[in-house]
Every structure is written in structure tokens, then in C-alpha cells.
Amino acid sequence: MAEELSGFPTLVPAIITKVHIGEVNPLDIIHNGSKMTHYGTPTGSIQSVPGFEPSFKAEIDFRYKGVIKMADKVHQIFNMDPGMHTVPFGYATGSHTFLVADPELKDVENSVFVSNGRIIVHENGLTVETRQSKVIAATAMD
């Protein structure tokens, strides 16, 4: 059984991001009937978790690709329902890549990160928080 499960990547907790939702731009209905919407994320922060190297903290311009389960709680947020509340982790997953200028952060640029996300509802609007893990390639030869 162990041989059948060799060769899979592992995950290392790495980064927490918090980005603020800005302008909402409905795009159109796509081929499968879903609504496509672009959510601007004009400001945000990124910080490595304790123990992750390289250690960093910065303000960012953010790009993210993810999938979210369209549960009732999520629909309330996307429809800007006055009764909306913060959505916990467990509805959204995503993948992240980064462009960096600092040579000390090149490993971040040359890595793949996957995440869980949640949407935080607060008095100033909406914030998307992601908890990202770095994907570590397996070294097994099977």
C-alpha cells in the first residue's frame, strides 16, 4: 500500500493573506450557466507564518484563482444581502503564484501554493483571507 501512495507532494503551512474587496464587476454568464464576476482587490497584506522561510510581511496587489462552494451563506455575500455574515474556512480552495522583486523572495516566486479561504464581513466591507501552504515535490522514484 505504501508504494502505491508514494510520489505525492506534501504541503507546508506558509502564508496568510488578507485582501480587501473593492469594485465588483459582473462579467456575464459563461457556457455552463454560471455567473462570472470579477472582484477587484485593490489593497491587502501578506505575511509568512512562524517557521516558514523566507520570513516576510508586506502590502500586496493580489491575484488569485479559486473555487468556492456556492452555499446559501456564500450567495448572501455575493448578493450583498444585508443579513450576510462571515463565511468560515471550508467553502473555498485556490492556487496562488507570486511575482517578486526582492531576490531573497525568489523561492516564493518559483513555488506553487494552495489555500483554503474565507470571506470576512465587517463594517468596512469584505475581506478575503487565505491560509496558504507551499507544495513540496515528492522525491520518491517508483
N, C-alpha and C. Protein backbone atom coordinates (compact mmCIF):
# COMPACT_ATOMS: atom_id res chain seq x y z
N MET A 1 0.82 -1.19 0.00
CA MET A 1 0.00 0.00 0.00
C MET A 1 0.86 1.26 0.00
N ALA A 2 1.95 1.26 0.77
CA ALA A 2 2.80 2.45 0.85
C ALA A 2 3.39 2.80 -0.51
N GLU A 3 3.78 1.79 -1.31
CA GLU A 3 4.34 2.07 -2.63
C GLU A 3 3.33 2.75 -3.53
N GLU A 4 2.05 2.36 -3.43
CA GLU A 4 1.02 2.97 -4.25
C GLU A 4 0.82 4.44 -3.91
N LEU A 5 1.15 4.82 -2.69
CA LEU A 5 0.94 6.20 -2.26
C LEU A 5 2.21 7.03 -2.29
N SER A 6 3.27 6.52 -2.88
CA SER A 6 4.50 7.31 -2.97
C SER A 6 4.40 8.26 -4.16
N GLY A 7 5.22 9.28 -4.15
CA GLY A 7 5.27 10.21 -5.26
C GLY A 7 4.31 11.39 -5.15
N PHE A 8 3.52 11.46 -4.09
CA PHE A 8 2.60 12.58 -3.92
C PHE A 8 3.31 13.75 -3.25
N PRO A 9 2.95 14.98 -3.61
CA PRO A 9 3.56 16.13 -2.94
C PRO A 9 3.04 16.26 -1.52
N THR A 10 3.78 17.02 -0.72
CA THR A 10 3.34 17.35 0.64
C THR A 10 3.12 18.86 0.72
N LEU A 11 2.48 19.28 1.78
CA LEU A 11 2.18 20.70 1.97
C LEU A 11 2.84 21.21 3.24
N VAL A 12 3.38 22.43 3.17
CA VAL A 12 3.99 23.08 4.32
C VAL A 12 3.26 24.41 4.54
N PRO A 13 2.64 24.62 5.73
CA PRO A 13 1.99 25.90 6.00
C PRO A 13 2.98 27.05 5.77
N ALA A 14 2.53 28.10 5.03
CA ALA A 14 3.49 29.11 4.61
C ALA A 14 3.02 30.55 4.78
N ILE A 15 1.82 30.88 4.31
CA ILE A 15 1.46 32.29 4.13
C ILE A 15 0.00 32.52 4.53
N ILE A 16 -0.25 33.70 5.10
CA ILE A 16 -1.62 34.17 5.31
C ILE A 16 -1.76 35.48 4.54
N THR A 17 -2.80 35.57 3.72
CA THR A 17 -3.09 36.82 3.03
C THR A 17 -4.46 37.33 3.45
N LYS A 18 -4.60 38.64 3.44
CA LYS A 18 -5.88 39.29 3.68
C LYS A 18 -6.01 40.40 2.65
N VAL A 19 -7.00 40.27 1.76
CA VAL A 19 -7.20 41.27 0.72
C VAL A 19 -8.61 41.83 0.83
N HIS A 20 -8.70 43.12 0.59
CA HIS A 20 -9.97 43.82 0.73
C HIS A 20 -10.67 43.87 -0.63
N ILE A 21 -11.95 43.55 -0.63
CA ILE A 21 -12.72 43.57 -1.87
C ILE A 21 -13.05 45.02 -2.21
N GLY A 22 -12.75 45.38 -3.44
CA GLY A 22 -13.04 46.72 -3.93
C GLY A 22 -14.22 46.68 -4.88
N GLU A 23 -13.99 47.12 -6.08
CA GLU A 23 -15.02 47.19 -7.11
C GLU A 23 -15.48 45.80 -7.54
N VAL A 24 -16.80 45.63 -7.69
CA VAL A 24 -17.39 44.37 -8.16
C VAL A 24 -17.85 44.57 -9.59
N ASN A 25 -17.34 43.71 -10.51
CA ASN A 25 -17.66 43.84 -11.93
C ASN A 25 -18.29 42.56 -12.46
N PRO A 26 -19.63 42.51 -12.60
CA PRO A 26 -20.25 41.34 -13.21
C PRO A 26 -19.80 41.26 -14.67
N LEU A 27 -19.35 40.07 -15.11
CA LEU A 27 -18.86 39.93 -16.48
C LEU A 27 -19.94 39.39 -17.41
N ASP A 28 -20.47 38.21 -17.12
CA ASP A 28 -21.51 37.63 -17.97
C ASP A 28 -21.79 36.21 -17.50
N ILE A 29 -22.69 35.56 -18.19
CA ILE A 29 -22.98 34.15 -17.96
C ILE A 29 -22.02 33.35 -18.84
N ILE A 30 -21.35 32.34 -18.25
CA ILE A 30 -20.42 31.53 -19.04
C ILE A 30 -21.14 30.29 -19.58
N HIS A 31 -20.43 29.48 -20.36
CA HIS A 31 -21.02 28.37 -21.11
C HIS A 31 -21.79 27.37 -20.25
N ASN A 32 -21.45 27.21 -18.99
CA ASN A 32 -22.15 26.23 -18.15
C ASN A 32 -23.31 26.85 -17.37
N GLY A 33 -23.60 28.13 -17.62
CA GLY A 33 -24.72 28.79 -16.96
C GLY A 33 -24.35 29.56 -15.71
N SER A 34 -23.11 29.44 -15.25
CA SER A 34 -22.67 30.15 -14.05
C SER A 34 -22.42 31.62 -14.36
N LYS A 35 -22.58 32.46 -13.34
CA LYS A 35 -22.25 33.88 -13.48
C LYS A 35 -20.76 34.07 -13.23
N MET A 36 -20.10 34.83 -14.08
CA MET A 36 -18.69 35.16 -13.91
C MET A 36 -18.62 36.60 -13.41
N THR A 37 -17.93 36.80 -12.29
CA THR A 37 -17.81 38.13 -11.70
C THR A 37 -16.36 38.37 -11.32
N HIS A 38 -15.86 39.57 -11.61
CA HIS A 38 -14.51 39.96 -11.20
C HIS A 38 -14.63 40.83 -9.96
N TYR A 39 -13.89 40.46 -8.92
CA TYR A 39 -13.86 41.24 -7.69
C TYR A 39 -12.49 41.90 -7.58
N GLY A 40 -12.46 43.21 -7.65
CA GLY A 40 -11.21 43.93 -7.51
C GLY A 40 -10.67 43.80 -6.09
N THR A 41 -9.37 43.66 -5.98
CA THR A 41 -8.73 43.56 -4.66
C THR A 41 -7.61 44.60 -4.61
N PRO A 42 -7.99 45.86 -4.39
CA PRO A 42 -7.01 46.94 -4.51
C PRO A 42 -5.96 46.99 -3.41
N THR A 43 -6.25 46.46 -2.24
CA THR A 43 -5.26 46.50 -1.16
C THR A 43 -5.28 45.20 -0.40
N GLY A 44 -4.16 44.90 0.22
CA GLY A 44 -4.10 43.69 1.03
C GLY A 44 -2.74 43.52 1.67
N SER A 45 -2.64 42.46 2.47
CA SER A 45 -1.38 42.18 3.15
C SER A 45 -1.04 40.70 3.00
N ILE A 46 0.24 40.43 3.09
CA ILE A 46 0.74 39.06 3.01
C ILE A 46 1.80 38.91 4.10
N GLN A 47 1.77 37.78 4.79
CA GLN A 47 2.73 37.54 5.86
C GLN A 47 3.01 36.06 5.95
N SER A 48 4.29 35.72 6.09
CA SER A 48 4.65 34.31 6.29
C SER A 48 4.26 33.90 7.70
N VAL A 49 3.96 32.61 7.86
CA VAL A 49 3.61 32.08 9.18
C VAL A 49 4.91 31.79 9.94
N PRO A 50 4.86 31.76 11.27
CA PRO A 50 6.06 31.46 12.05
C PRO A 50 6.69 30.13 11.61
N GLY A 51 7.99 30.16 11.38
CA GLY A 51 8.73 28.97 10.99
C GLY A 51 8.93 28.81 9.50
N PHE A 52 8.17 29.55 8.67
CA PHE A 52 8.34 29.45 7.22
C PHE A 52 9.47 30.37 6.79
N GLU A 53 10.32 29.87 5.91
CA GLU A 53 11.42 30.66 5.36
C GLU A 53 11.26 30.76 3.85
N PRO A 54 11.47 31.94 3.28
CA PRO A 54 11.89 33.17 3.93
C PRO A 54 10.74 33.83 4.69
N SER A 55 11.07 34.47 5.77
CA SER A 55 10.09 35.19 6.59
C SER A 55 9.86 36.57 5.97
N PHE A 56 8.61 36.99 5.86
CA PHE A 56 8.32 38.30 5.28
C PHE A 56 6.94 38.79 5.70
N LYS A 57 6.73 40.09 5.51
CA LYS A 57 5.44 40.74 5.74
C LYS A 57 5.41 41.95 4.81
N ALA A 58 4.31 42.11 4.04
CA ALA A 58 4.27 43.20 3.07
C ALA A 58 2.83 43.54 2.70
N GLU A 59 2.68 44.70 2.06
CA GLU A 59 1.42 45.06 1.42
C GLU A 59 1.48 44.54 -0.01
N ILE A 60 0.34 44.12 -0.56
CA ILE A 60 0.38 43.49 -1.88
C ILE A 60 -0.75 43.96 -2.78
N ASP A 61 -0.52 43.75 -4.07
CA ASP A 61 -1.54 43.77 -5.12
C ASP A 61 -1.72 42.30 -5.44
N PHE A 62 -2.92 41.80 -5.38
CA PHE A 62 -3.17 40.36 -5.25
C PHE A 62 -3.84 39.76 -6.48
N ARG A 63 -3.39 38.58 -6.90
CA ARG A 63 -4.02 37.79 -7.96
C ARG A 63 -4.31 36.41 -7.39
N TYR A 64 -5.51 35.91 -7.67
CA TYR A 64 -5.95 34.66 -7.03
C TYR A 64 -6.90 33.94 -7.95
N LYS A 65 -6.78 32.64 -8.02
CA LYS A 65 -7.70 31.81 -8.78
C LYS A 65 -8.23 30.75 -7.84
N GLY A 66 -9.55 30.68 -7.69
CA GLY A 66 -10.09 29.73 -6.74
C GLY A 66 -11.45 29.21 -7.13
N VAL A 67 -11.91 28.27 -6.33
CA VAL A 67 -13.23 27.68 -6.49
C VAL A 67 -13.94 27.80 -5.15
N ILE A 68 -15.19 28.24 -5.18
CA ILE A 68 -15.95 28.37 -3.95
C ILE A 68 -17.27 27.64 -4.08
N LYS A 69 -17.62 26.91 -3.04
CA LYS A 69 -18.91 26.21 -2.99
C LYS A 69 -19.99 27.25 -2.76
N MET A 70 -20.95 27.31 -3.66
CA MET A 70 -21.97 28.36 -3.59
C MET A 70 -23.10 27.98 -2.64
N ALA A 71 -22.77 27.89 -1.37
CA ALA A 71 -23.75 27.61 -0.33
C ALA A 71 -24.59 28.87 -0.07
N ASP A 72 -25.68 28.72 0.65
CA ASP A 72 -26.55 29.86 0.94
C ASP A 72 -25.79 31.03 1.57
N LYS A 73 -24.88 30.73 2.52
CA LYS A 73 -24.11 31.79 3.19
C LYS A 73 -23.26 32.57 2.18
N VAL A 74 -22.71 31.85 1.21
CA VAL A 74 -21.87 32.49 0.18
C VAL A 74 -22.74 33.32 -0.75
N HIS A 75 -23.89 32.78 -1.16
CA HIS A 75 -24.82 33.54 -2.01
C HIS A 75 -25.21 34.85 -1.34
N GLN A 76 -25.44 34.83 -0.04
CA GLN A 76 -25.80 36.06 0.67
C GLN A 76 -24.73 37.14 0.48
N ILE A 77 -23.47 36.74 0.58
CA ILE A 77 -22.38 37.70 0.42
C ILE A 77 -22.32 38.20 -1.02
N PHE A 78 -22.35 37.29 -1.99
CA PHE A 78 -22.25 37.71 -3.38
C PHE A 78 -23.44 38.55 -3.83
N ASN A 79 -24.58 38.37 -3.18
CA ASN A 79 -25.76 39.17 -3.48
C ASN A 79 -25.85 40.42 -2.61
N MET A 80 -24.83 40.64 -1.76
CA MET A 80 -24.77 41.79 -0.84
C MET A 80 -26.03 41.88 0.03
N ASP A 81 -26.49 40.73 0.49
CA ASP A 81 -27.66 40.63 1.36
C ASP A 81 -27.34 41.30 2.70
N PRO A 82 -28.20 42.17 3.21
CA PRO A 82 -27.93 42.85 4.48
C PRO A 82 -27.74 41.88 5.66
N GLY A 83 -28.24 40.66 5.55
CA GLY A 83 -28.10 39.68 6.62
C GLY A 83 -26.86 38.81 6.49
N MET A 84 -25.94 39.18 5.58
CA MET A 84 -24.75 38.34 5.36
C MET A 84 -23.84 38.33 6.58
N HIS A 85 -23.09 37.23 6.71
CA HIS A 85 -22.15 37.06 7.81
C HIS A 85 -20.85 36.47 7.27
N THR A 86 -19.80 36.53 8.08
CA THR A 86 -18.51 35.93 7.73
C THR A 86 -18.70 34.45 7.42
N VAL A 87 -18.06 34.01 6.34
CA VAL A 87 -18.10 32.60 5.94
C VAL A 87 -16.83 31.94 6.47
N PRO A 88 -16.95 30.80 7.16
CA PRO A 88 -15.77 30.14 7.70
C PRO A 88 -14.93 29.47 6.61
N PHE A 89 -13.74 29.02 6.99
CA PHE A 89 -12.94 28.20 6.09
C PHE A 89 -13.73 26.95 5.76
N GLY A 90 -13.53 26.41 4.57
CA GLY A 90 -14.19 25.18 4.19
C GLY A 90 -15.02 25.29 2.92
N TYR A 91 -15.30 26.51 2.47
CA TYR A 91 -16.07 26.69 1.24
C TYR A 91 -15.19 26.96 0.02
N ALA A 92 -13.98 27.45 0.22
CA ALA A 92 -13.17 27.88 -0.92
C ALA A 92 -11.76 27.29 -0.87
N THR A 93 -11.28 26.90 -2.04
CA THR A 93 -9.89 26.48 -2.21
C THR A 93 -9.32 27.25 -3.40
N GLY A 94 -8.01 27.38 -3.44
CA GLY A 94 -7.42 28.14 -4.53
C GLY A 94 -5.96 27.80 -4.74
N SER A 95 -5.41 28.41 -5.79
CA SER A 95 -3.98 28.27 -6.06
C SER A 95 -3.41 29.67 -6.28
N HIS A 96 -2.14 29.81 -5.94
CA HIS A 96 -1.51 31.12 -5.94
C HIS A 96 -0.12 31.04 -6.57
N THR A 97 0.22 32.08 -7.29
CA THR A 97 1.59 32.29 -7.75
C THR A 97 1.92 33.75 -7.46
N PHE A 98 3.19 34.04 -7.35
CA PHE A 98 3.61 35.39 -6.98
C PHE A 98 4.72 35.87 -7.90
N LEU A 99 4.75 37.17 -8.16
CA LEU A 99 5.87 37.84 -8.81
C LEU A 99 6.53 38.68 -7.74
N VAL A 100 7.84 38.54 -7.60
CA VAL A 100 8.55 39.27 -6.55
C VAL A 100 9.72 40.05 -7.15
N ALA A 101 10.07 41.14 -6.52
CA ALA A 101 11.23 41.93 -6.94
C ALA A 101 12.44 41.64 -6.07
N ASP A 102 12.21 41.31 -4.82
CA ASP A 102 13.29 41.07 -3.87
C ASP A 102 13.95 39.71 -4.16
N PRO A 103 15.26 39.70 -4.46
CA PRO A 103 15.94 38.44 -4.74
C PRO A 103 15.84 37.42 -3.60
N GLU A 104 15.70 37.90 -2.37
CA GLU A 104 15.59 36.99 -1.24
C GLU A 104 14.27 36.23 -1.23
N LEU A 105 13.29 36.69 -2.02
CA LEU A 105 11.99 36.03 -2.07
C LEU A 105 11.78 35.23 -3.35
N LYS A 106 12.84 35.01 -4.13
CA LYS A 106 12.72 34.28 -5.39
C LYS A 106 12.15 32.88 -5.20
N ASP A 107 12.42 32.24 -4.07
CA ASP A 107 11.86 30.92 -3.82
C ASP A 107 10.33 30.98 -3.77
N VAL A 108 9.79 32.08 -3.28
CA VAL A 108 8.33 32.25 -3.26
C VAL A 108 7.81 32.33 -4.69
N GLU A 109 8.50 33.07 -5.55
CA GLU A 109 8.09 33.19 -6.95
C GLU A 109 8.18 31.85 -7.68
N ASN A 110 9.15 31.04 -7.33
CA ASN A 110 9.37 29.76 -8.01
C ASN A 110 8.66 28.60 -7.34
N SER A 111 7.63 28.87 -6.58
CA SER A 111 6.89 27.84 -5.86
C SER A 111 5.41 27.90 -6.21
N VAL A 112 4.71 26.84 -5.85
CA VAL A 112 3.25 26.78 -6.01
C VAL A 112 2.64 26.72 -4.62
N PHE A 113 1.56 27.46 -4.43
CA PHE A 113 0.87 27.49 -3.15
C PHE A 113 -0.60 27.14 -3.38
N VAL A 114 -1.17 26.40 -2.44
CA VAL A 114 -2.60 26.09 -2.46
C VAL A 114 -3.20 26.59 -1.15
N SER A 115 -4.51 26.85 -1.16
CA SER A 115 -5.07 27.50 0.02
C SER A 115 -6.50 27.09 0.33
N ASN A 116 -6.88 27.40 1.55
CA ASN A 116 -8.27 27.47 1.98
C ASN A 116 -8.54 28.95 2.17
N GLY A 117 -9.78 29.35 1.90
CA GLY A 117 -10.11 30.75 2.06
C GLY A 117 -11.43 30.94 2.77
N ARG A 118 -11.62 32.14 3.25
CA ARG A 118 -12.90 32.52 3.83
C ARG A 118 -13.15 33.98 3.52
N ILE A 119 -14.42 34.38 3.60
CA ILE A 119 -14.80 35.77 3.38
C ILE A 119 -15.23 36.35 4.71
N ILE A 120 -14.57 37.44 5.09
CA ILE A 120 -14.88 38.11 6.36
C ILE A 120 -15.75 39.33 6.06
N VAL A 121 -16.91 39.39 6.71
CA VAL A 121 -17.82 40.53 6.58
C VAL A 121 -17.56 41.45 7.77
N HIS A 122 -17.29 42.74 7.50
CA HIS A 122 -17.04 43.70 8.59
C HIS A 122 -17.63 45.05 8.22
N GLU A 123 -17.55 46.00 9.13
CA GLU A 123 -18.20 47.30 8.94
C GLU A 123 -17.67 48.07 7.74
N ASN A 124 -16.45 47.78 7.29
CA ASN A 124 -15.87 48.49 6.15
C ASN A 124 -16.02 47.74 4.83
N GLY A 125 -16.67 46.58 4.83
CA GLY A 125 -16.86 45.84 3.59
C GLY A 125 -16.53 44.37 3.75
N LEU A 126 -15.81 43.84 2.77
CA LEU A 126 -15.46 42.42 2.73
C LEU A 126 -13.96 42.25 2.63
N THR A 127 -13.44 41.23 3.29
CA THR A 127 -12.03 40.86 3.20
C THR A 127 -11.95 39.36 2.93
N VAL A 128 -11.12 38.97 1.97
CA VAL A 128 -10.87 37.56 1.71
C VAL A 128 -9.57 37.19 2.41
N GLU A 129 -9.63 36.20 3.28
CA GLU A 129 -8.45 35.69 3.97
C GLU A 129 -8.13 34.32 3.42
N THR A 130 -6.87 34.09 3.07
CA THR A 130 -6.43 32.76 2.65
C THR A 130 -5.32 32.28 3.56
N ARG A 131 -5.30 30.99 3.79
CA ARG A 131 -4.21 30.32 4.51
C ARG A 131 -3.57 29.40 3.48
N GLN A 132 -2.34 29.71 3.11
CA GLN A 132 -1.68 29.03 2.01
C GLN A 132 -0.57 28.09 2.48
N SER A 133 -0.49 26.97 1.80
CA SER A 133 0.60 26.02 2.03
C SER A 133 1.44 25.91 0.76
N LYS A 134 2.74 25.79 0.95
CA LYS A 134 3.65 25.58 -0.17
C LYS A 134 3.61 24.11 -0.55
N VAL A 135 3.53 23.84 -1.86
CA VAL A 135 3.55 22.47 -2.35
C VAL A 135 5.00 22.03 -2.48
N ILE A 136 5.34 20.93 -1.81
CA ILE A 136 6.70 20.38 -1.85
C ILE A 136 6.67 19.11 -2.71
N ALA A 137 7.47 19.10 -3.75
CA ALA A 137 7.50 17.95 -4.66
C ALA A 137 8.05 16.72 -3.95
N ALA A 138 7.49 15.56 -4.29
CA ALA A 138 7.98 14.29 -3.76
C ALA A 138 9.30 13.95 -4.42
N THR A 139 10.11 13.17 -3.73
CA THR A 139 11.40 12.76 -4.29
C THR A 139 11.46 11.25 -4.52
N ALA A 140 10.33 10.56 -4.33
CA ALA A 140 10.29 9.10 -4.49
C ALA A 140 10.47 8.72 -5.96
N MET A 141 11.10 7.60 -6.17
CA MET A 141 11.25 7.03 -7.51
C MET A 141 10.52 5.71 -7.53
N ASP A 142 9.31 5.67 -8.12
CA ASP A 142 8.60 4.39 -8.17
C ASP A 142 8.45 3.87 -9.56
